PDB file of all heavy atoms in Angstrom:
ATOM      1  N   ASP A   1      33.768  16.382  -9.591  1.00  0.00           N
ATOM      2  CA  ASP A   1      33.092  17.184  -8.565  1.00  0.00           C
ATOM      3  C   ASP A   1      33.597  18.623  -8.642  1.00  0.00           C
ATOM      4  O   ASP A   1      34.711  18.914  -8.199  1.00  0.00           O
ATOM      5  CB  ASP A   1      33.384  16.600  -7.183  1.00  0.00           C
ATOM      6  CG  ASP A   1      32.745  17.400  -6.053  1.00  0.00           C
ATOM      7  OD1 ASP A   1      32.037  18.394  -6.349  1.00  0.00           O
ATOM      8  OD2 ASP A   1      32.969  17.047  -4.877  1.00  0.00           O
ATOM      9  N   PRO A   2      32.823  19.547  -9.190  1.00  0.00           N
ATOM     10  CA  PRO A   2      33.310  20.925  -9.378  1.00  0.00           C
ATOM     11  C   PRO A   2      33.627  21.656  -8.080  1.00  0.00           C
ATOM     12  O   PRO A   2      34.319  22.673  -8.105  1.00  0.00           O
ATOM     13  CB  PRO A   2      32.159  21.608 -10.127  1.00  0.00           C
ATOM     14  CG  PRO A   2      30.954  20.781  -9.816  1.00  0.00           C
ATOM     15  CD  PRO A   2      31.440  19.375  -9.685  1.00  0.00           C
ATOM     16  N   ASP A   3      33.144  21.129  -6.955  1.00  0.00           N
ATOM     17  CA  ASP A   3      33.429  21.775  -5.672  1.00  0.00           C
ATOM     18  C   ASP A   3      34.691  21.253  -5.005  1.00  0.00           C
ATOM     19  O   ASP A   3      35.187  21.867  -4.055  1.00  0.00           O
ATOM     20  CB  ASP A   3      32.248  21.570  -4.712  1.00  0.00           C
ATOM     21  CG  ASP A   3      30.995  22.297  -5.175  1.00  0.00           C
ATOM     22  OD1 ASP A   3      31.141  23.374  -5.781  1.00  0.00           O
ATOM     23  OD2 ASP A   3      29.888  21.773  -4.945  1.00  0.00           O
ATOM     24  N   ALA A   4      35.217  20.130  -5.482  1.00  0.00           N
ATOM     25  CA  ALA A   4      36.398  19.541  -4.859  1.00  0.00           C
ATOM     26  C   ALA A   4      37.606  20.462  -5.017  1.00  0.00           C
ATOM     27  O   ALA A   4      37.998  20.790  -6.141  1.00  0.00           O
ATOM     28  CB  ALA A   4      36.692  18.175  -5.480  1.00  0.00           C
ATOM     29  N   TYR A   5      38.154  20.881  -3.904  1.00  0.00           N
ATOM     30  CA  TYR A   5      39.335  21.748  -3.829  1.00  0.00           C
ATOM     31  C   TYR A   5      39.116  23.137  -4.445  1.00  0.00           C
ATOM     32  O   TYR A   5      40.082  23.894  -4.609  1.00  0.00           O
ATOM     33  CB  TYR A   5      40.559  21.073  -4.475  1.00  0.00           C
ATOM     34  CG  TYR A   5      40.918  19.763  -3.822  1.00  0.00           C
ATOM     35  CD1 TYR A   5      40.473  18.551  -4.358  1.00  0.00           C
ATOM     36  CD2 TYR A   5      41.673  19.734  -2.657  1.00  0.00           C
ATOM     37  CE1 TYR A   5      40.771  17.343  -3.745  1.00  0.00           C
ATOM     38  CE2 TYR A   5      41.986  18.527  -2.037  1.00  0.00           C
ATOM     39  CZ  TYR A   5      41.524  17.333  -2.582  1.00  0.00           C
ATOM     40  OH  TYR A   5      41.827  16.148  -1.965  1.00  0.00           O
ATOM     41  N   ALA A   6      37.893  23.478  -4.757  1.00  0.00           N
ATOM     42  CA  ALA A   6      37.619  24.811  -5.310  1.00  0.00           C
ATOM     43  C   ALA A   6      37.919  25.889  -4.268  1.00  0.00           C
ATOM     44  O   ALA A   6      38.468  26.950  -4.611  1.00  0.00           O
ATOM     45  CB  ALA A   6      36.171  24.901  -5.773  1.00  0.00           C
ATOM     46  N   ASP A   7      37.547  25.641  -3.030  1.00  0.00           N
ATOM     47  CA  ASP A   7      37.800  26.631  -1.972  1.00  0.00           C
ATOM     48  C   ASP A   7      39.289  26.861  -1.781  1.00  0.00           C
ATOM     49  O   ASP A   7      39.720  27.992  -1.518  1.00  0.00           O
ATOM     50  CB  ASP A   7      37.174  26.171  -0.653  1.00  0.00           C
ATOM     51  CG  ASP A   7      35.656  26.250  -0.662  1.00  0.00           C
ATOM     52  OD1 ASP A   7      35.104  26.925  -1.557  1.00  0.00           O
ATOM     53  OD2 ASP A   7      35.027  25.632   0.218  1.00  0.00           O
ATOM     54  N   GLU A   8      40.075  25.797  -1.921  1.00  0.00           N
ATOM     55  CA  GLU A   8      41.526  25.930  -1.759  1.00  0.00           C
ATOM     56  C   GLU A   8      42.133  26.794  -2.867  1.00  0.00           C
ATOM     57  O   GLU A   8      43.035  27.609  -2.615  1.00  0.00           O
ATOM     58  CB  GLU A   8      42.181  24.540  -1.748  1.00  0.00           C
ATOM     59  CG  GLU A   8      41.961  23.740  -0.486  1.00  0.00           C
ATOM     60  CD  GLU A   8      40.631  23.002  -0.462  1.00  0.00           C
ATOM     61  OE1 GLU A   8      39.740  23.284  -1.309  1.00  0.00           O
ATOM     62  OE2 GLU A   8      40.461  22.119   0.399  1.00  0.00           O
ATOM     63  N   VAL A   9      41.632  26.626  -4.073  1.00  0.00           N
ATOM     64  CA  VAL A   9      42.116  27.443  -5.190  1.00  0.00           C
ATOM     65  C   VAL A   9      41.775  28.913  -4.948  1.00  0.00           C
ATOM     66  O   VAL A   9      42.637  29.795  -5.089  1.00  0.00           O
ATOM     67  CB  VAL A   9      41.506  26.968  -6.521  1.00  0.00           C
ATOM     68  CG1 VAL A   9      41.914  27.913  -7.668  1.00  0.00           C
ATOM     69  CG2 VAL A   9      41.947  25.546  -6.837  1.00  0.00           C
ATOM     70  N   ARG A  10      40.530  29.184  -4.564  1.00  0.00           N
ATOM     71  CA  ARG A  10      40.105  30.561  -4.331  1.00  0.00           C
ATOM     72  C   ARG A  10      40.863  31.192  -3.160  1.00  0.00           C
ATOM     73  O   ARG A  10      41.191  32.390  -3.192  1.00  0.00           O
ATOM     74  CB  ARG A  10      38.600  30.610  -4.072  1.00  0.00           C
ATOM     75  CG  ARG A  10      37.740  30.122  -5.228  1.00  0.00           C
ATOM     76  CD  ARG A  10      38.052  30.858  -6.513  1.00  0.00           C
ATOM     77  NE  ARG A  10      37.138  30.482  -7.589  1.00  0.00           N
ATOM     78  CZ  ARG A  10      37.455  30.537  -8.872  1.00  0.00           C
ATOM     79  NH1 ARG A  10      38.666  30.959  -9.237  1.00  0.00           N
ATOM     80  NH2 ARG A  10      36.579  30.193  -9.807  1.00  0.00           N
ATOM     81  N   ALA A  11      41.153  30.382  -2.136  1.00  0.00           N
ATOM     82  CA  ALA A  11      41.900  30.903  -0.991  1.00  0.00           C
ATOM     83  C   ALA A  11      43.310  31.322  -1.413  1.00  0.00           C
ATOM     84  O   ALA A  11      43.820  32.367  -0.989  1.00  0.00           O
ATOM     85  CB  ALA A  11      41.970  29.855   0.114  1.00  0.00           C
ATOM     86  N   ASP A  12      43.953  30.518  -2.258  1.00  0.00           N
ATOM     87  CA  ASP A  12      45.284  30.877  -2.775  1.00  0.00           C
ATOM     88  C   ASP A  12      45.219  32.196  -3.539  1.00  0.00           C
ATOM     89  O   ASP A  12      46.099  33.056  -3.407  1.00  0.00           O
ATOM     90  CB  ASP A  12      45.796  29.787  -3.714  1.00  0.00           C
ATOM     91  CG  ASP A  12      46.462  28.634  -2.978  1.00  0.00           C
ATOM     92  OD1 ASP A  12      46.558  28.698  -1.737  1.00  0.00           O
ATOM     93  OD2 ASP A  12      46.884  27.673  -3.656  1.00  0.00           O
ATOM     94  N   GLU A  13      44.180  32.352  -4.343  1.00  0.00           N
ATOM     95  CA  GLU A  13      44.069  33.549  -5.171  1.00  0.00           C
ATOM     96  C   GLU A  13      43.809  34.792  -4.322  1.00  0.00           C
ATOM     97  O   GLU A  13      44.353  35.865  -4.602  1.00  0.00           O
ATOM     98  CB  GLU A  13      42.987  33.342  -6.223  1.00  0.00           C
ATOM     99  CG  GLU A  13      43.378  32.263  -7.233  1.00  0.00           C
ATOM    100  CD  GLU A  13      42.293  31.903  -8.221  1.00  0.00           C
ATOM    101  OE1 GLU A  13      41.100  32.136  -7.919  1.00  0.00           O
ATOM    102  OE2 GLU A  13      42.629  31.392  -9.299  1.00  0.00           O
ATOM    103  N   ARG A  14      42.997  34.642  -3.280  1.00  0.00           N
ATOM    104  CA  ARG A  14      42.782  35.776  -2.366  1.00  0.00           C
ATOM    105  C   ARG A  14      44.074  36.144  -1.650  1.00  0.00           C
ATOM    106  O   ARG A  14      44.398  37.326  -1.465  1.00  0.00           O
ATOM    107  CB  ARG A  14      41.696  35.428  -1.349  1.00  0.00           C
ATOM    108  CG  ARG A  14      40.287  35.412  -1.904  1.00  0.00           C
ATOM    109  CD  ARG A  14      39.255  35.393  -0.783  1.00  0.00           C
ATOM    110  NE  ARG A  14      39.404  34.221   0.080  1.00  0.00           N
ATOM    111  CZ  ARG A  14      38.788  33.058  -0.139  1.00  0.00           C
ATOM    112  NH1 ARG A  14      38.003  32.905  -1.188  1.00  0.00           N
ATOM    113  NH2 ARG A  14      38.951  32.052   0.699  1.00  0.00           N
ATOM    114  N   GLU A  15      44.821  35.131  -1.252  1.00  0.00           N
ATOM    115  CA  GLU A  15      46.069  35.384  -0.537  1.00  0.00           C
ATOM    116  C   GLU A  15      47.084  36.075  -1.435  1.00  0.00           C
ATOM    117  O   GLU A  15      47.830  36.956  -0.997  1.00  0.00           O
ATOM    118  CB  GLU A  15      46.636  34.067  -0.015  1.00  0.00           C
ATOM    119  CG  GLU A  15      47.657  34.244   1.085  1.00  0.00           C
ATOM    120  CD  GLU A  15      47.909  32.973   1.854  1.00  0.00           C
ATOM    121  OE1 GLU A  15      47.522  31.884   1.386  1.00  0.00           O
ATOM    122  OE2 GLU A  15      48.499  33.070   2.940  1.00  0.00           O
ATOM    123  N   ALA A  16      47.116  35.694  -2.702  1.00  0.00           N
ATOM    124  CA  ALA A  16      48.023  36.348  -3.649  1.00  0.00           C
ATOM    125  C   ALA A  16      47.713  37.837  -3.720  1.00  0.00           C
ATOM    126  O   ALA A  16      48.622  38.681  -3.719  1.00  0.00           O
ATOM    127  CB  ALA A  16      47.893  35.711  -5.026  1.00  0.00           C
ATOM    128  N   ALA A  17      46.413  38.173  -3.781  1.00  0.00           N
ATOM    129  CA  ALA A  17      46.010  39.580  -3.829  1.00  0.00           C
ATOM    130  C   ALA A  17      46.426  40.310  -2.554  1.00  0.00           C
ATOM    131  O   ALA A  17      46.905  41.458  -2.602  1.00  0.00           O
ATOM    132  CB  ALA A  17      44.503  39.682  -4.028  1.00  0.00           C
ATOM    133  N   GLN A  18      46.272  39.659  -1.412  1.00  0.00           N
ATOM    134  CA  GLN A  18      46.647  40.277  -0.135  1.00  0.00           C
ATOM    135  C   GLN A  18      48.152  40.524  -0.052  1.00  0.00           C
ATOM    136  O   GLN A  18      48.599  41.491   0.567  1.00  0.00           O
ATOM    137  CB  GLN A  18      46.194  39.386   1.020  1.00  0.00           C
ATOM    138  CG  GLN A  18      44.677  39.316   1.188  1.00  0.00           C
ATOM    139  CD  GLN A  18      44.236  38.196   2.105  1.00  0.00           C
ATOM    140  OE1 GLN A  18      45.058  37.456   2.652  1.00  0.00           O
ATOM    141  NE2 GLN A  18      42.931  38.052   2.274  1.00  0.00           N
ATOM    142  N   LEU A  19      48.925  39.648  -0.694  1.00  0.00           N
ATOM    143  CA  LEU A  19      50.385  39.796  -0.682  1.00  0.00           C
ATOM    144  C   LEU A  19      50.872  40.797  -1.731  1.00  0.00           C
ATOM    145  O   LEU A  19      52.059  41.110  -1.772  1.00  0.00           O
ATOM    146  CB  LEU A  19      51.048  38.439  -0.914  1.00  0.00           C
ATOM    147  CG  LEU A  19      50.925  37.427   0.227  1.00  0.00           C
ATOM    148  CD1 LEU A  19      51.385  36.048  -0.229  1.00  0.00           C
ATOM    149  CD2 LEU A  19      51.729  37.888   1.434  1.00  0.00           C
ATOM    150  N   GLY A  20      49.970  41.257  -2.563  1.00  0.00           N
ATOM    151  CA  GLY A  20      50.339  42.251  -3.565  1.00  0.00           C
ATOM    152  C   GLY A  20      50.773  41.680  -4.896  1.00  0.00           C
ATOM    153  O   GLY A  20      51.362  42.384  -5.719  1.00  0.00           O
ATOM    154  N   ALA A  21      50.488  40.405  -5.139  1.00  0.00           N
ATOM    155  CA  ALA A  21      50.864  39.782  -6.405  1.00  0.00           C
ATOM    156  C   ALA A  21      49.866  40.176  -7.486  1.00  0.00           C
ATOM    157  O   ALA A  21      48.682  39.880  -7.389  1.00  0.00           O
ATOM    158  CB  ALA A  21      50.903  38.273  -6.259  1.00  0.00           C
ATOM    159  N   THR A  22      50.344  40.850  -8.511  1.00  0.00           N
ATOM    160  CA  THR A  22      49.484  41.231  -9.627  1.00  0.00           C
ATOM    161  C   THR A  22      49.787  40.407 -10.873  1.00  0.00           C
ATOM    162  O   THR A  22      49.109  40.532 -11.891  1.00  0.00           O
ATOM    163  CB  THR A  22      49.669  42.722  -9.957  1.00  0.00           C
ATOM    164  OG1 THR A  22      51.054  42.978 -10.235  1.00  0.00           O
ATOM    165  CG2 THR A  22      49.228  43.581  -8.783  1.00  0.00           C
ATOM    166  N   GLY A  23      50.816  39.591 -10.801  1.00  0.00           N
ATOM    167  CA  GLY A  23      51.196  38.733 -11.916  1.00  0.00           C
ATOM    168  C   GLY A  23      51.981  37.547 -11.394  1.00  0.00           C
ATOM    169  O   GLY A  23      52.341  37.499 -10.218  1.00  0.00           O
ATOM    170  N   VAL A  24      52.240  36.602 -12.276  1.00  0.00           N
ATOM    171  CA  VAL A  24      52.979  35.403 -11.902  1.00  0.00           C
ATOM    172  C   VAL A  24      54.063  35.114 -12.943  1.00  0.00           C
ATOM    173  O   VAL A  24      53.956  35.565 -14.076  1.00  0.00           O
ATOM    174  CB  VAL A  24      52.027  34.187 -11.758  1.00  0.00           C
ATOM    175  CG1 VAL A  24      51.230  34.282 -10.483  1.00  0.00           C
ATOM    176  CG2 VAL A  24      51.090  34.048 -12.951  1.00  0.00           C
ATOM    177  N   PRO A  25      55.120  34.377 -12.510  1.00  0.00           N
ATOM    178  CA  PRO A  25      55.291  33.723 -11.214  1.00  0.00           C
ATOM    179  C   PRO A  25      55.597  34.719 -10.098  1.00  0.00           C
ATOM    180  O   PRO A  25      56.187  35.764 -10.325  1.00  0.00           O
ATOM    181  CB  PRO A  25      56.472  32.778 -11.440  1.00  0.00           C
ATOM    182  CG  PRO A  25      57.298  33.473 -12.485  1.00  0.00           C
ATOM    183  CD  PRO A  25      56.291  34.115 -13.403  1.00  0.00           C
ATOM    184  N   PHE A  26      55.181  34.344  -8.897  1.00  0.00           N
ATOM    185  CA  PHE A  26      55.411  35.160  -7.714  1.00  0.00           C
ATOM    186  C   PHE A  26      55.909  34.226  -6.612  1.00  0.00           C
ATOM    187  O   PHE A  26      55.219  33.299  -6.219  1.00  0.00           O
ATOM    188  CB  PHE A  26      54.120  35.857  -7.292  1.00  0.00           C
ATOM    189  CG  PHE A  26      54.302  36.872  -6.202  1.00  0.00           C
ATOM    190  CD1 PHE A  26      54.978  38.063  -6.438  1.00  0.00           C
ATOM    191  CD2 PHE A  26      53.794  36.648  -4.926  1.00  0.00           C
ATOM    192  CE1 PHE A  26      55.144  39.004  -5.430  1.00  0.00           C
ATOM    193  CE2 PHE A  26      53.944  37.584  -3.923  1.00  0.00           C
ATOM    194  CZ  PHE A  26      54.629  38.767  -4.172  1.00  0.00           C
ATOM    195  N   PHE A  27      57.124  34.468  -6.157  1.00  0.00           N
ATOM    196  CA  PHE A  27      57.785  33.600  -5.190  1.00  0.00           C
ATOM    197  C   PHE A  27      57.810  34.298  -3.835  1.00  0.00           C
ATOM    198  O   PHE A  27      58.209  35.468  -3.741  1.00  0.00           O
ATOM    199  CB  PHE A  27      59.231  33.308  -5.611  1.00  0.00           C
ATOM    200  CG  PHE A  27      59.358  32.637  -6.957  1.00  0.00           C
ATOM    201  CD1 PHE A  27      59.228  33.374  -8.134  1.00  0.00           C
ATOM    202  CD2 PHE A  27      59.625  31.276  -7.059  1.00  0.00           C
ATOM    203  CE1 PHE A  27      59.353  32.765  -9.378  1.00  0.00           C
ATOM    204  CE2 PHE A  27      59.746  30.667  -8.301  1.00  0.00           C
ATOM    205  CZ  PHE A  27      59.602  31.404  -9.457  1.00  0.00           C
ATOM    206  N   VAL A  28      57.413  33.598  -2.791  1.00  0.00           N
ATOM    207  CA  VAL A  28      57.432  34.148  -1.435  1.00  0.00           C
ATOM    208  C   VAL A  28      58.287  33.241  -0.560  1.00  0.00           C
ATOM    209  O   VAL A  28      58.001  32.041  -0.446  1.00  0.00           O
ATOM    210  CB  VAL A  28      56.007  34.272  -0.860  1.00  0.00           C
ATOM    211  CG1 VAL A  28      56.057  34.774   0.587  1.00  0.00           C
ATOM    212  CG2 VAL A  28      55.177  35.228  -1.717  1.00  0.00           C
TER     213      VAL A  28
END
């Protein structure tokens, strides 16, 4: 199911951008 947990992945990625993460690993 391509939609399963897709929103959760995108939410993590948006949050990383909001926190200023431009690369990984990034520990908070």
